N, C-alpha and C. Protein backbone atom coordinates (compact mmCIF):
# COMPACT_ATOMS: atom_id res chain seq x y z
N UNK A 1 25.14 86.65 -17.08
CA UNK A 1 25.61 85.67 -16.10
C UNK A 1 27.01 85.20 -16.50
N UNK A 2 27.91 85.04 -15.54
CA UNK A 2 29.27 84.60 -15.85
C UNK A 2 29.28 83.23 -16.51
N UNK A 3 30.28 82.99 -17.30
CA UNK A 3 30.42 81.73 -18.03
C UNK A 3 31.79 81.13 -17.75
N UNK A 4 31.84 79.82 -17.50
CA UNK A 4 33.10 79.11 -17.35
C UNK A 4 33.42 78.45 -18.68
N UNK A 5 34.57 78.78 -19.26
CA UNK A 5 34.99 78.16 -20.50
C UNK A 5 36.06 77.13 -20.20
N UNK A 6 36.07 76.06 -20.94
CA UNK A 6 37.11 75.05 -20.78
C UNK A 6 37.72 74.74 -22.14
N UNK A 7 39.04 74.79 -22.21
CA UNK A 7 39.78 74.47 -23.42
C UNK A 7 40.66 73.27 -23.12
N UNK A 8 40.67 72.27 -23.96
CA UNK A 8 41.48 71.08 -23.72
C UNK A 8 42.32 70.75 -24.93
N UNK A 9 43.44 70.07 -24.68
CA UNK A 9 44.29 69.57 -25.75
C UNK A 9 45.05 68.36 -25.24
N UNK A 10 45.40 67.42 -26.11
CA UNK A 10 46.14 66.24 -25.67
C UNK A 10 47.47 66.64 -25.04
N UNK A 11 47.83 65.98 -23.92
CA UNK A 11 49.10 66.24 -23.27
C UNK A 11 50.22 65.46 -23.94
N UNK A 12 51.45 65.75 -23.49
CA UNK A 12 52.60 65.10 -24.15
C UNK A 12 52.85 63.69 -23.64
N UNK A 13 52.07 63.22 -22.65
CA UNK A 13 52.23 61.85 -22.16
C UNK A 13 50.89 61.12 -22.16
N UNK A 14 50.03 61.50 -23.08
CA UNK A 14 48.78 60.79 -23.20
C UNK A 14 47.66 61.36 -22.36
N UNK A 15 47.94 62.41 -21.54
CA UNK A 15 46.91 63.02 -20.74
C UNK A 15 46.33 64.24 -21.47
N UNK A 16 45.83 65.19 -20.70
CA UNK A 16 45.24 66.37 -21.29
C UNK A 16 45.69 67.60 -20.55
N UNK A 17 45.86 68.70 -21.28
CA UNK A 17 46.09 70.00 -20.68
C UNK A 17 44.75 70.70 -20.63
N UNK A 18 44.35 71.15 -19.48
CA UNK A 18 43.03 71.74 -19.31
C UNK A 18 43.17 73.18 -18.83
N UNK A 19 42.47 74.11 -19.47
CA UNK A 19 42.48 75.49 -19.01
C UNK A 19 41.04 75.93 -18.73
N UNK A 20 40.80 76.41 -17.52
CA UNK A 20 39.49 76.90 -17.16
C UNK A 20 39.53 78.43 -17.09
N UNK A 21 38.51 79.07 -17.57
CA UNK A 21 38.42 80.52 -17.49
C UNK A 21 37.00 80.92 -17.12
N UNK A 22 36.87 81.72 -16.08
CA UNK A 22 35.57 82.29 -15.76
C UNK A 22 35.52 83.67 -16.40
N UNK A 23 34.52 83.89 -17.23
CA UNK A 23 34.47 85.12 -18.02
C UNK A 23 33.22 85.91 -17.66
N UNK A 24 33.39 87.18 -17.40
CA UNK A 24 32.27 88.07 -17.14
C UNK A 24 32.49 89.35 -17.93
N UNK A 25 31.57 89.64 -18.84
CA UNK A 25 31.68 90.81 -19.70
C UNK A 25 33.01 90.81 -20.45
N UNK A 26 33.34 89.63 -20.99
CA UNK A 26 34.52 89.42 -21.80
C UNK A 26 35.83 89.62 -21.03
N UNK A 27 35.75 89.58 -19.71
CA UNK A 27 36.95 89.75 -18.90
C UNK A 27 37.21 88.48 -18.10
N UNK A 28 38.41 87.94 -18.19
CA UNK A 28 38.76 86.76 -17.42
C UNK A 28 39.03 87.19 -15.98
N UNK A 29 38.25 86.65 -15.05
CA UNK A 29 38.41 87.04 -13.66
C UNK A 29 39.12 85.98 -12.83
N UNK A 30 39.18 84.77 -13.34
CA UNK A 30 39.93 83.74 -12.63
C UNK A 30 40.33 82.66 -13.62
N UNK A 31 41.52 82.12 -13.43
CA UNK A 31 42.00 81.09 -14.35
C UNK A 31 42.70 80.00 -13.55
N UNK A 32 42.46 78.78 -13.92
CA UNK A 32 43.08 77.65 -13.26
C UNK A 32 43.63 76.72 -14.31
N UNK A 33 44.87 76.27 -14.13
CA UNK A 33 45.45 75.34 -15.08
C UNK A 33 45.81 74.05 -14.35
N UNK A 34 45.60 72.97 -15.07
CA UNK A 34 45.89 71.68 -14.47
C UNK A 34 46.32 70.71 -15.56
N UNK A 35 47.31 69.90 -15.27
CA UNK A 35 47.72 68.85 -16.19
C UNK A 35 47.45 67.51 -15.53
N UNK A 36 46.83 66.62 -16.26
CA UNK A 36 46.55 65.29 -15.72
C UNK A 36 47.03 64.25 -16.71
N UNK A 37 47.74 63.26 -16.20
CA UNK A 37 48.30 62.24 -17.07
C UNK A 37 47.56 60.92 -16.98
N UNK A 38 46.60 60.82 -16.06
CA UNK A 38 45.96 59.52 -15.88
C UNK A 38 44.45 59.56 -16.02
N UNK A 39 43.87 60.74 -16.12
CA UNK A 39 42.42 60.82 -16.15
C UNK A 39 41.98 61.61 -17.37
N UNK A 40 41.13 61.06 -18.22
CA UNK A 40 40.64 61.79 -19.38
C UNK A 40 39.97 63.08 -18.97
N UNK A 41 40.13 64.10 -19.78
CA UNK A 41 39.55 65.40 -19.48
C UNK A 41 38.03 65.31 -19.34
N UNK A 42 37.41 64.41 -20.08
CA UNK A 42 35.96 64.28 -20.00
C UNK A 42 35.52 63.93 -18.57
N UNK A 43 36.25 62.99 -17.95
CA UNK A 43 35.90 62.57 -16.60
C UNK A 43 36.15 63.70 -15.60
N UNK A 44 37.27 64.40 -15.77
CA UNK A 44 37.59 65.48 -14.83
C UNK A 44 36.54 66.58 -14.89
N UNK A 45 36.13 66.93 -16.11
CA UNK A 45 35.13 67.98 -16.26
C UNK A 45 33.81 67.57 -15.63
N UNK A 46 33.53 66.27 -15.64
CA UNK A 46 32.29 65.79 -15.04
C UNK A 46 32.19 66.12 -13.58
N UNK A 47 33.33 66.23 -12.90
CA UNK A 47 33.31 66.54 -11.48
C UNK A 47 32.79 67.96 -11.21
N UNK A 48 32.83 68.80 -12.22
CA UNK A 48 32.37 70.17 -12.03
C UNK A 48 30.88 70.24 -11.74
N UNK A 49 30.17 69.17 -12.01
CA UNK A 49 28.74 69.14 -11.70
C UNK A 49 28.50 69.38 -10.21
N UNK A 50 29.49 69.00 -9.39
CA UNK A 50 29.34 69.14 -7.95
C UNK A 50 29.63 70.56 -7.49
N UNK A 51 30.05 71.42 -8.39
CA UNK A 51 30.44 72.78 -8.01
C UNK A 51 29.45 73.82 -8.54
N UNK A 52 28.23 73.44 -8.79
CA UNK A 52 27.22 74.41 -9.15
C UNK A 52 26.94 74.53 -10.62
N UNK A 53 27.41 73.59 -11.43
CA UNK A 53 27.13 73.66 -12.86
C UNK A 53 25.63 73.50 -13.08
N UNK A 54 25.05 74.37 -13.89
CA UNK A 54 23.62 74.30 -14.16
C UNK A 54 23.33 73.58 -15.47
N UNK A 55 24.25 73.63 -16.42
CA UNK A 55 24.13 72.84 -17.62
C UNK A 55 25.50 72.71 -18.24
N UNK A 56 25.74 71.63 -18.96
CA UNK A 56 27.07 71.43 -19.49
C UNK A 56 27.03 70.50 -20.69
N UNK A 57 28.00 70.69 -21.55
CA UNK A 57 28.30 69.75 -22.62
C UNK A 57 29.80 69.71 -22.71
N UNK A 58 30.35 68.70 -23.35
CA UNK A 58 31.80 68.59 -23.33
C UNK A 58 32.32 67.86 -24.54
N UNK A 59 33.47 68.30 -25.05
CA UNK A 59 34.16 67.60 -26.13
C UNK A 59 35.64 67.65 -25.84
N UNK A 60 36.33 66.50 -25.96
CA UNK A 60 37.76 66.49 -25.67
C UNK A 60 38.58 66.29 -26.94
N UNK A 61 38.03 66.55 -28.10
CA UNK A 61 38.75 66.37 -29.35
C UNK A 61 39.38 67.69 -29.77
N UNK A 62 40.72 67.75 -29.76
CA UNK A 62 41.42 68.97 -30.17
C UNK A 62 41.12 70.11 -29.22
N UNK A 63 41.23 71.35 -29.73
CA UNK A 63 40.90 72.53 -28.94
C UNK A 63 39.45 72.90 -29.20
N UNK A 64 38.52 72.36 -28.41
CA UNK A 64 37.11 72.66 -28.54
C UNK A 64 36.68 73.48 -27.33
N UNK A 65 35.96 74.54 -27.56
CA UNK A 65 35.51 75.40 -26.46
C UNK A 65 34.11 74.99 -26.03
N UNK A 66 33.92 74.87 -24.74
CA UNK A 66 32.62 74.49 -24.19
C UNK A 66 32.25 75.48 -23.11
N UNK A 67 31.01 75.89 -23.07
CA UNK A 67 30.56 76.86 -22.07
C UNK A 67 29.85 76.16 -20.94
N UNK A 68 30.19 76.54 -19.74
CA UNK A 68 29.53 76.05 -18.54
C UNK A 68 28.94 77.27 -17.84
N UNK A 69 27.66 77.23 -17.53
CA UNK A 69 27.02 78.37 -16.90
C UNK A 69 27.03 78.20 -15.39
N UNK A 70 27.58 79.16 -14.71
CA UNK A 70 27.72 79.12 -13.26
C UNK A 70 27.10 80.36 -12.64
N UNK A 71 26.70 80.26 -11.41
CA UNK A 71 26.44 81.44 -10.61
C UNK A 71 27.78 81.87 -10.07
N UNK A 72 28.18 83.10 -10.34
CA UNK A 72 29.53 83.55 -10.03
C UNK A 72 29.84 83.43 -8.54
N UNK A 73 28.89 83.80 -7.72
CA UNK A 73 29.14 83.75 -6.29
C UNK A 73 29.39 82.34 -5.82
N UNK A 74 28.69 81.36 -6.38
CA UNK A 74 28.89 79.96 -6.00
C UNK A 74 30.26 79.49 -6.42
N UNK A 75 30.64 79.82 -7.68
CA UNK A 75 31.92 79.32 -8.19
C UNK A 75 33.09 79.93 -7.46
N UNK A 76 33.07 81.23 -7.25
CA UNK A 76 34.21 81.89 -6.63
C UNK A 76 34.29 81.58 -5.14
N UNK A 77 33.15 81.25 -4.56
CA UNK A 77 33.15 80.98 -3.13
C UNK A 77 33.35 79.52 -2.80
N UNK A 78 33.20 78.64 -3.80
CA UNK A 78 33.29 77.21 -3.54
C UNK A 78 34.72 76.73 -3.62
N UNK A 79 35.01 75.67 -2.92
CA UNK A 79 36.32 75.03 -2.98
C UNK A 79 36.14 73.66 -3.60
N UNK A 80 36.88 73.41 -4.69
CA UNK A 80 36.78 72.12 -5.34
C UNK A 80 37.59 71.11 -4.54
N UNK A 81 36.92 70.17 -3.89
CA UNK A 81 37.59 69.20 -3.04
C UNK A 81 37.46 67.81 -3.65
N UNK A 82 38.57 67.20 -3.93
CA UNK A 82 38.56 65.85 -4.45
C UNK A 82 38.79 64.87 -3.31
N UNK A 83 38.07 63.77 -3.36
CA UNK A 83 38.24 62.75 -2.33
C UNK A 83 39.66 62.22 -2.35
N UNK A 84 40.24 62.00 -1.18
CA UNK A 84 41.58 61.48 -1.06
C UNK A 84 41.54 60.18 -0.28
N UNK A 85 42.46 59.28 -0.55
CA UNK A 85 42.49 58.04 0.23
C UNK A 85 42.66 58.34 1.72
N UNK A 86 41.91 57.63 2.55
CA UNK A 86 42.05 57.79 3.99
C UNK A 86 43.24 56.97 4.46
N UNK A 87 44.12 57.60 5.19
CA UNK A 87 45.35 56.94 5.61
C UNK A 87 45.35 56.76 7.13
N UNK A 88 45.59 55.54 7.57
CA UNK A 88 45.74 55.27 9.00
C UNK A 88 47.07 54.58 9.23
N UNK A 89 47.71 54.94 10.33
CA UNK A 89 49.03 54.40 10.65
C UNK A 89 48.99 53.70 12.00
N UNK A 90 49.50 52.48 12.04
CA UNK A 90 49.59 51.70 13.27
C UNK A 90 51.06 51.52 13.62
N UNK A 91 51.41 51.80 14.86
CA UNK A 91 52.79 51.67 15.32
C UNK A 91 52.92 50.42 16.21
N UNK A 92 53.82 49.54 15.87
CA UNK A 92 54.11 48.37 16.69
C UNK A 92 55.60 48.32 17.00
N UNK A 93 55.95 47.69 18.10
CA UNK A 93 57.36 47.55 18.47
C UNK A 93 57.62 46.15 18.99
N UNK A 94 58.87 45.77 18.96
CA UNK A 94 59.34 44.57 19.66
C UNK A 94 60.55 44.99 20.47
N UNK A 95 60.84 44.25 21.52
CA UNK A 95 61.83 44.68 22.50
C UNK A 95 63.20 44.05 22.30
N UNK A 96 64.23 44.87 22.45
CA UNK A 96 65.61 44.39 22.58
C UNK A 96 66.13 44.92 23.91
N UNK A 97 67.06 44.20 24.51
CA UNK A 97 67.57 44.64 25.82
C UNK A 97 69.08 44.47 25.95
N UNK A 98 69.75 44.12 24.87
CA UNK A 98 71.21 43.99 24.91
C UNK A 98 71.84 45.36 25.11
N UNK A 99 73.10 45.36 25.54
CA UNK A 99 73.76 46.63 25.85
C UNK A 99 74.94 46.94 24.93
N UNK A 100 75.21 46.08 23.96
CA UNK A 100 76.25 46.36 22.97
C UNK A 100 75.62 46.32 21.58
N UNK A 101 76.24 47.05 20.65
CA UNK A 101 75.70 47.11 19.29
C UNK A 101 75.63 45.72 18.67
N UNK A 102 76.68 44.95 18.85
CA UNK A 102 76.73 43.61 18.26
C UNK A 102 75.61 42.74 18.79
N UNK A 103 75.38 42.79 20.09
CA UNK A 103 74.34 41.97 20.71
C UNK A 103 72.95 42.45 20.29
N UNK A 104 72.78 43.76 20.13
CA UNK A 104 71.48 44.28 19.69
C UNK A 104 71.16 43.85 18.27
N UNK A 105 72.19 43.84 17.41
CA UNK A 105 72.00 43.37 16.03
C UNK A 105 71.55 41.91 16.04
N UNK A 106 72.18 41.12 16.89
CA UNK A 106 71.83 39.71 16.99
C UNK A 106 70.38 39.54 17.46
N UNK A 107 69.99 40.32 18.47
CA UNK A 107 68.64 40.23 18.98
C UNK A 107 67.60 40.66 17.94
N UNK A 108 67.89 41.73 17.19
CA UNK A 108 66.94 42.19 16.17
C UNK A 108 66.74 41.12 15.10
N UNK A 109 67.82 40.41 14.76
CA UNK A 109 67.70 39.33 13.79
C UNK A 109 66.86 38.19 14.29
N UNK A 110 66.90 37.97 15.61
CA UNK A 110 66.14 36.88 16.22
C UNK A 110 64.70 37.26 16.55
N UNK A 111 64.50 38.50 16.98
CA UNK A 111 63.19 38.92 17.47
C UNK A 111 62.39 39.76 16.47
N UNK A 112 63.04 40.27 15.48
CA UNK A 112 62.37 41.15 14.53
C UNK A 112 61.32 40.43 13.70
N UNK A 113 60.36 41.16 13.14
CA UNK A 113 59.28 40.55 12.35
C UNK A 113 59.82 39.90 11.09
N UNK A 114 59.47 38.65 10.90
CA UNK A 114 59.89 37.90 9.70
C UNK A 114 61.41 37.87 9.53
N UNK A 115 62.14 38.01 10.63
CA UNK A 115 63.59 37.98 10.57
C UNK A 115 64.23 39.30 10.18
N UNK A 116 63.42 40.35 10.00
CA UNK A 116 63.94 41.67 9.63
C UNK A 116 64.09 42.55 10.86
N UNK A 117 64.94 43.55 10.77
CA UNK A 117 65.10 44.49 11.89
C UNK A 117 63.84 45.33 12.07
N UNK A 118 63.18 45.65 10.97
CA UNK A 118 61.92 46.40 11.02
C UNK A 118 61.08 45.94 9.82
N UNK A 119 59.80 46.23 9.89
CA UNK A 119 58.94 45.77 8.80
C UNK A 119 57.77 46.73 8.63
N UNK A 120 57.42 46.98 7.37
CA UNK A 120 56.27 47.83 7.06
C UNK A 120 55.27 47.03 6.26
N UNK A 121 54.05 47.02 6.73
CA UNK A 121 52.98 46.33 6.03
C UNK A 121 51.92 47.36 5.66
N UNK A 122 51.52 47.39 4.38
CA UNK A 122 50.44 48.30 3.99
C UNK A 122 49.33 47.53 3.29
N UNK A 123 48.12 48.00 3.53
CA UNK A 123 46.95 47.32 2.97
C UNK A 123 46.01 48.38 2.42
N UNK A 124 45.67 48.25 1.14
CA UNK A 124 44.77 49.20 0.48
C UNK A 124 43.41 48.55 0.30
N UNK A 125 42.38 49.28 0.67
CA UNK A 125 41.02 48.78 0.52
C UNK A 125 40.19 49.81 -0.25
N UNK A 126 39.25 49.32 -1.08
CA UNK A 126 38.36 50.25 -1.77
C UNK A 126 36.96 49.66 -1.85
N UNK A 127 35.98 50.54 -1.89
CA UNK A 127 34.58 50.13 -1.93
C UNK A 127 34.09 50.10 -3.37
N UNK A 128 32.83 49.69 -3.53
CA UNK A 128 32.25 49.65 -4.86
C UNK A 128 32.12 51.02 -5.47
N UNK A 129 32.05 52.06 -4.63
CA UNK A 129 31.99 53.44 -5.12
C UNK A 129 33.37 54.07 -5.20
N UNK A 130 34.41 53.24 -5.07
CA UNK A 130 35.81 53.67 -5.20
C UNK A 130 36.24 54.66 -4.11
N UNK A 131 35.82 54.41 -2.86
CA UNK A 131 36.34 55.15 -1.72
C UNK A 131 37.56 54.40 -1.21
N UNK A 132 38.70 55.07 -1.21
CA UNK A 132 39.97 54.42 -0.91
C UNK A 132 40.41 54.64 0.53
N UNK A 133 41.02 53.62 1.09
CA UNK A 133 41.68 53.74 2.40
C UNK A 133 42.93 52.88 2.38
N UNK A 134 43.93 53.33 3.11
CA UNK A 134 45.17 52.56 3.20
C UNK A 134 45.61 52.51 4.66
N UNK A 135 45.92 51.33 5.13
CA UNK A 135 46.39 51.13 6.49
C UNK A 135 47.86 50.73 6.44
N UNK A 136 48.69 51.49 7.13
CA UNK A 136 50.13 51.24 7.16
C UNK A 136 50.53 50.84 8.57
N UNK A 137 51.18 49.71 8.70
CA UNK A 137 51.64 49.24 10.01
C UNK A 137 53.16 49.19 10.02
N UNK A 138 53.76 49.96 10.93
CA UNK A 138 55.21 49.96 11.10
C UNK A 138 55.56 49.14 12.33
N UNK A 139 56.48 48.21 12.19
CA UNK A 139 56.99 47.46 13.33
C UNK A 139 58.47 47.77 13.49
N UNK A 140 58.82 48.38 14.61
CA UNK A 140 60.18 48.87 14.85
C UNK A 140 60.75 48.29 16.14
N UNK A 141 62.06 48.21 16.24
CA UNK A 141 62.67 47.77 17.50
C UNK A 141 62.61 48.87 18.55
N UNK A 142 62.53 48.46 19.79
CA UNK A 142 62.53 49.41 20.90
C UNK A 142 63.37 48.85 22.03
N UNK A 143 64.30 49.66 22.51
CA UNK A 143 65.15 49.17 23.60
C UNK A 143 64.41 49.25 24.93
N UNK A 144 64.59 48.22 25.73
CA UNK A 144 63.88 48.13 26.99
C UNK A 144 64.30 49.23 27.96
N UNK A 145 65.57 49.57 27.94
CA UNK A 145 66.07 50.60 28.86
C UNK A 145 67.30 51.28 28.26
N UNK A 146 67.06 52.31 27.46
CA UNK A 146 68.18 53.01 26.81
C UNK A 146 69.12 53.66 27.82
N UNK A 147 68.62 53.98 28.99
CA UNK A 147 69.44 54.66 30.00
C UNK A 147 70.62 53.79 30.44
N UNK A 148 70.50 52.48 30.27
CA UNK A 148 71.57 51.59 30.67
C UNK A 148 72.68 51.48 29.63
N UNK A 149 72.46 52.04 28.46
CA UNK A 149 73.45 51.94 27.39
C UNK A 149 74.58 52.94 27.62
N UNK A 150 75.75 52.55 27.17
CA UNK A 150 76.88 53.48 27.16
C UNK A 150 76.49 54.69 26.31
N UNK A 151 76.87 55.91 26.69
CA UNK A 151 76.46 57.11 25.95
C UNK A 151 76.72 57.02 24.45
N UNK A 152 77.88 56.50 24.06
CA UNK A 152 78.19 56.40 22.64
C UNK A 152 77.28 55.38 21.95
N UNK A 153 77.02 54.26 22.62
CA UNK A 153 76.13 53.24 22.06
C UNK A 153 74.71 53.78 21.97
N UNK A 154 74.30 54.50 23.01
CA UNK A 154 72.95 55.07 23.01
C UNK A 154 72.76 56.05 21.86
N UNK A 155 73.76 56.87 21.61
CA UNK A 155 73.67 57.84 20.51
C UNK A 155 73.62 57.13 19.16
N UNK A 156 74.45 56.10 19.01
CA UNK A 156 74.42 55.33 17.76
C UNK A 156 73.07 54.64 17.56
N UNK A 157 72.50 54.17 18.66
CA UNK A 157 71.21 53.50 18.59
C UNK A 157 70.12 54.46 18.12
N UNK A 158 70.12 55.66 18.65
CA UNK A 158 69.12 56.66 18.26
C UNK A 158 69.27 57.04 16.78
N UNK A 159 70.51 57.21 16.35
CA UNK A 159 70.75 57.53 14.94
C UNK A 159 70.29 56.39 14.04
N UNK A 160 70.61 55.18 14.46
CA UNK A 160 70.20 53.98 13.72
C UNK A 160 68.68 53.92 13.57
N UNK A 161 67.96 54.16 14.66
CA UNK A 161 66.51 54.11 14.62
C UNK A 161 65.92 55.15 13.67
N UNK A 162 66.51 56.35 13.67
CA UNK A 162 66.01 57.42 12.81
C UNK A 162 66.18 57.07 11.34
N UNK A 163 67.34 56.52 10.98
CA UNK A 163 67.59 56.15 9.58
C UNK A 163 66.73 54.96 9.18
N UNK A 164 66.59 54.00 10.10
CA UNK A 164 65.75 52.84 9.84
C UNK A 164 64.31 53.27 9.59
N UNK A 165 63.84 54.22 10.38
CA UNK A 165 62.46 54.69 10.23
C UNK A 165 62.25 55.35 8.86
N UNK A 166 63.23 56.14 8.43
CA UNK A 166 63.11 56.79 7.12
C UNK A 166 63.02 55.74 6.00
N UNK A 167 63.78 54.67 6.15
CA UNK A 167 63.71 53.61 5.14
C UNK A 167 62.33 52.96 5.14
N UNK A 168 61.80 52.67 6.32
CA UNK A 168 60.49 52.03 6.40
C UNK A 168 59.39 52.94 5.87
N UNK A 169 59.54 54.24 6.07
CA UNK A 169 58.53 55.18 5.57
C UNK A 169 58.49 55.21 4.04
N UNK A 170 59.59 54.84 3.41
CA UNK A 170 59.57 54.73 1.94
C UNK A 170 58.68 53.58 1.52
N UNK A 171 58.69 52.50 2.29
CA UNK A 171 57.78 51.39 2.02
C UNK A 171 56.33 51.85 2.25
N UNK A 172 56.12 52.59 3.33
CA UNK A 172 54.78 53.10 3.61
C UNK A 172 54.27 54.00 2.50
N UNK A 173 55.18 54.79 1.93
CA UNK A 173 54.80 55.69 0.83
C UNK A 173 54.32 54.91 -0.38
N UNK A 174 54.85 53.70 -0.57
CA UNK A 174 54.40 52.87 -1.69
C UNK A 174 52.91 52.52 -1.53
N UNK A 175 52.49 52.27 -0.30
CA UNK A 175 51.09 51.98 -0.07
C UNK A 175 50.20 53.18 -0.39
N UNK A 176 50.66 54.37 0.00
CA UNK A 176 49.91 55.58 -0.29
C UNK A 176 49.85 55.83 -1.79
N UNK A 177 50.97 55.64 -2.47
CA UNK A 177 51.00 55.83 -3.92
C UNK A 177 50.09 54.84 -4.63
N UNK A 178 50.05 53.61 -4.11
CA UNK A 178 49.15 52.61 -4.69
C UNK A 178 47.70 53.06 -4.57
N UNK A 179 47.32 53.54 -3.38
CA UNK A 179 45.95 53.99 -3.17
C UNK A 179 45.61 55.16 -4.07
N UNK A 180 46.54 56.11 -4.21
CA UNK A 180 46.30 57.27 -5.06
C UNK A 180 46.14 56.86 -6.52
N UNK A 181 46.95 55.92 -6.96
CA UNK A 181 46.87 55.49 -8.35
C UNK A 181 45.57 54.73 -8.62
N UNK A 182 45.14 53.92 -7.66
CA UNK A 182 43.87 53.22 -7.82
C UNK A 182 42.72 54.22 -7.91
N UNK A 183 42.79 55.26 -7.09
CA UNK A 183 41.76 56.30 -7.13
C UNK A 183 41.75 57.01 -8.48
N UNK A 184 42.93 57.33 -8.99
CA UNK A 184 43.03 58.05 -10.26
C UNK A 184 42.46 57.24 -11.42
N UNK A 185 42.59 55.92 -11.34
CA UNK A 185 42.08 55.06 -12.41
C UNK A 185 40.65 54.60 -12.14
N UNK A 186 39.99 55.23 -11.15
CA UNK A 186 38.61 54.91 -10.82
C UNK A 186 38.43 53.45 -10.43
N UNK A 187 39.43 52.90 -9.74
CA UNK A 187 39.39 51.51 -9.26
C UNK A 187 39.22 50.50 -10.39
N UNK A 188 39.73 50.85 -11.57
CA UNK A 188 39.53 49.98 -12.74
C UNK A 188 40.33 48.69 -12.64
N UNK A 189 41.54 48.76 -12.11
CA UNK A 189 42.39 47.56 -12.06
C UNK A 189 43.24 47.61 -10.80
N UNK A 190 42.57 47.62 -9.65
CA UNK A 190 43.26 47.79 -8.38
C UNK A 190 44.28 46.73 -8.07
N UNK A 191 43.99 45.48 -8.38
CA UNK A 191 44.92 44.40 -8.05
C UNK A 191 46.23 44.55 -8.80
N UNK A 192 46.17 45.00 -10.05
CA UNK A 192 47.39 45.21 -10.82
C UNK A 192 48.24 46.31 -10.20
N UNK A 193 47.57 47.36 -9.69
CA UNK A 193 48.29 48.46 -9.04
C UNK A 193 48.95 47.98 -7.75
N UNK A 194 48.22 47.18 -6.98
CA UNK A 194 48.77 46.62 -5.74
C UNK A 194 50.02 45.79 -6.05
N UNK A 195 49.93 44.98 -7.06
CA UNK A 195 51.07 44.14 -7.45
C UNK A 195 52.26 45.00 -7.87
N UNK A 196 51.98 46.06 -8.60
CA UNK A 196 53.04 46.96 -9.06
C UNK A 196 53.80 47.57 -7.89
N UNK A 197 53.08 48.10 -6.90
CA UNK A 197 53.74 48.78 -5.79
C UNK A 197 54.31 47.81 -4.77
N UNK A 198 53.74 46.61 -4.67
CA UNK A 198 54.35 45.58 -3.83
C UNK A 198 55.72 45.19 -4.40
N UNK A 199 55.79 45.14 -5.71
CA UNK A 199 57.06 44.85 -6.36
C UNK A 199 58.07 45.96 -6.10
N UNK A 200 57.58 47.20 -6.02
CA UNK A 200 58.48 48.31 -5.74
C UNK A 200 59.09 48.20 -4.34
N UNK A 201 58.37 47.57 -3.41
CA UNK A 201 58.96 47.31 -2.09
C UNK A 201 60.19 46.41 -2.23
N UNK A 202 60.06 45.39 -3.08
CA UNK A 202 61.18 44.47 -3.30
C UNK A 202 62.34 45.19 -4.00
N UNK A 203 61.99 46.04 -4.96
CA UNK A 203 63.02 46.80 -5.68
C UNK A 203 63.78 47.70 -4.73
N UNK A 204 63.06 48.36 -3.82
CA UNK A 204 63.69 49.25 -2.85
C UNK A 204 64.66 48.50 -1.97
N UNK A 205 64.23 47.35 -1.45
CA UNK A 205 65.10 46.59 -0.56
C UNK A 205 66.31 46.02 -1.29
N UNK A 206 66.13 45.62 -2.53
CA UNK A 206 67.26 45.10 -3.31
C UNK A 206 68.25 46.21 -3.62
N UNK A 207 67.73 47.38 -3.98
CA UNK A 207 68.60 48.51 -4.35
C UNK A 207 69.37 49.04 -3.15
N UNK A 208 68.76 48.99 -1.97
CA UNK A 208 69.40 49.56 -0.77
C UNK A 208 69.94 48.50 0.18
N UNK A 209 69.84 47.21 -0.21
CA UNK A 209 70.21 46.12 0.68
C UNK A 209 69.48 46.27 2.02
N UNK A 210 68.15 46.40 1.91
CA UNK A 210 67.28 46.56 3.08
C UNK A 210 67.69 47.77 3.93
N UNK A 211 68.12 48.82 3.27
CA UNK A 211 68.44 50.07 3.95
C UNK A 211 69.89 50.24 4.34
N UNK A 212 70.68 49.19 4.24
CA UNK A 212 72.08 49.29 4.67
C UNK A 212 72.85 50.33 3.85
N UNK A 213 72.55 50.42 2.56
CA UNK A 213 73.24 51.39 1.72
C UNK A 213 72.77 52.82 2.00
N UNK A 214 71.70 52.94 2.75
CA UNK A 214 71.21 54.26 3.15
C UNK A 214 71.69 54.65 4.55
N UNK A 215 72.44 53.75 5.17
CA UNK A 215 72.97 54.04 6.49
C UNK A 215 72.31 53.28 7.63
N UNK A 216 71.47 52.30 7.30
CA UNK A 216 70.83 51.50 8.35
C UNK A 216 71.84 50.47 8.85
N UNK A 217 72.76 50.96 9.63
CA UNK A 217 73.86 50.13 10.16
C UNK A 217 74.07 50.51 11.62
N UNK A 218 74.18 49.51 12.48
CA UNK A 218 74.45 49.75 13.90
C UNK A 218 75.84 49.22 14.21
N UNK A 219 76.73 50.12 14.63
CA UNK A 219 78.11 49.74 14.93
C UNK A 219 78.41 49.89 16.41
C-alpha cells in the first residue's frame, strides 16, 4: 500500500518547511512543498485526517520522518480544500449633481460619508468553530446625470472615480487580510488582528493623504 511521508524542519521566520511524498515501491509519485509562517506543522498535518488518512503519528522536532498510510486512489483523486473566509461586498452611493469640478468637490465634501469623498467599511465575523466571513461596504459618489457634463469634465470625473475606487479597494483588502490572518491563527486573538488592520487603514490614509498622492484629485 502506498505511504505518505512527511519531513519537517523549522523555517527561517519561525514557521516550518514541510515536504510531502507519496511513495509506492520506493518511487516518489507525487510531491508537494509548502511553507507556512503562521501555523505549526503539527496543526497543518492534522488536516490530512480529512483526506483519507487511516492512521497517523507526528513529530515536528528537527527532521523526523513520519509515515501516513493512504489509499492511493483516494489521495491522488482528492483535492485538499481549506476553508476560506466568505467575502461579501455591498455597494452604496451618494449623489452629486454639480457640473464643474470645483462644485463637485464641494458637494462631495458636504454629502460624502463622514465628510469623506468615499468610504470603505469592513466587518469581520467568526463563529465558535472559527468559520470566517468578512463584509465590505463601499460608499462612492455617483453623478446624477453625467451626460450634462462638459466632455472634458466628464472624462476627468470618470478617471477620478476609477482612481478613487482603487484606493478604497486597498482599504477593503485590509478587511480580507484581517479575516485570513484570524483564520490562520485559529481565531486565537481576533480582536488584536482587527485592531492591527484597522490601524493599517489609518496608515494608508496618512501615507497617501486619503488617496490624493495616488491621484485621487478632481481638477
